[in-house]
Amino acid sequence: MAQTDQPKHIPALFTAPHQTHPTARLNQFSVSELRHQARHKGIFFRTGPFVTHLKSDYGPAIDLLVNLYGESEYFTADTFANFHIRLHRPYSFRRWIRPQIQFSLDGRSPFEPFPLEQALPLFEWGMNWCIAMDAHRFLMLHSAVVEKNGQAIILPALPGSGKSTLCSVLAHRGWRLLSDEFGMIEPKTGLVWPLPKAIPIKNKAIPVVRDYLPEAWMGPEFHGTRKGTVSHVKPPADSLIRQNEPARPRCVVFPKYRANAETRMEPVTNSSAFTRLANNSFNYVITGEAGFRSLSQIVQEADCFNFEYSNLDEAISVFSELATS
């Protein structure tokens, strides 16, 4: 996504994740109520350590949002929001001919419109952009994070590594989903803060996840996006309810899916893990000394491994052993 100047609103750097007080959860309201609210004043809801304010005149996007994030906390309109977002249909001939949807942050549009039917992928990618550009009080790692027994496993990986598939499976087999995209490390405490957004499953992995997790709620398939075909896995309800509960990093696991590979876990040296984590960070350079100290603490206190797999049952077994060791 193209980068623009920093947004002019107050950055997340100056807000604490636990200073706001919700009044309800999204799924306590009817879809028609939320559609009305989104069209006029907008809806305010928790997105990990942030509050998102969303206005939209496109009802189907609100319907999907409620399905994916129904257990997220809902706030009143006088709540401070970190991100003021609008999803709207442009006022042009495109409202009738090949209609489009536009993402705006504080009245500015950082990227080109998407086809109208891709409103949800646009919102999800737009939110990721907002967080990556603005949440520099955290060290942000490009990684999934899951938690069990109060201890987090960080899963940094490049696209195509099978990270999202593995993350989806673990989140529905007893692990709490902290994030699929962002490892949000708080430098002062060394804790990982939850950011349980919908998990985007792409292309050939979609039928694999649908077959393996029949109990998971998966959204519609969006074809022809910039990343091919995408479907979103709903975060488990418990993960959305517990968005205020951070965890201590216990392990760093670099996952890699390879067809027909034997399940294998191998230790990684601290120096190698540090370099790979720094390269997988969205803002390591920006955070400076705080980022350096955070990564140093992680690799000194956490066990670090390479993990290669092809069999999901065996992968679950390996992670279960990590949780109890």
Foldseek 3Di string as FASTA:
>chain_A
DDDDPFDPDDFPLPDFLPPDDFDAFQLVDDLVVQLVCLQPLFWWWDQQSFIEGEHENDSVLSVVVCVQQRLTGTHDSVDDGNWYKYWYWDPDPLCPPQTWIFIDTPRHGRDDTDRPVCSNVVVVVVVVVNCLRGVLLWFKFQFWWKDDPQAIETAHEDPPFCQLVLLLVLLVVHIATQDGTIQTARLVVLWTARRHGWRKDDDPCVVVSCVVCVVWDKADWDADDPRGIIITTRGDSVNNNPSVDIGHYAEYEHGGEDPPDDWDKAFDALVVQLVVRCVRTSQLVVNPPSSSSSSNVNSVRYTYIYTYDHDSVVVSVVVVVVNVD
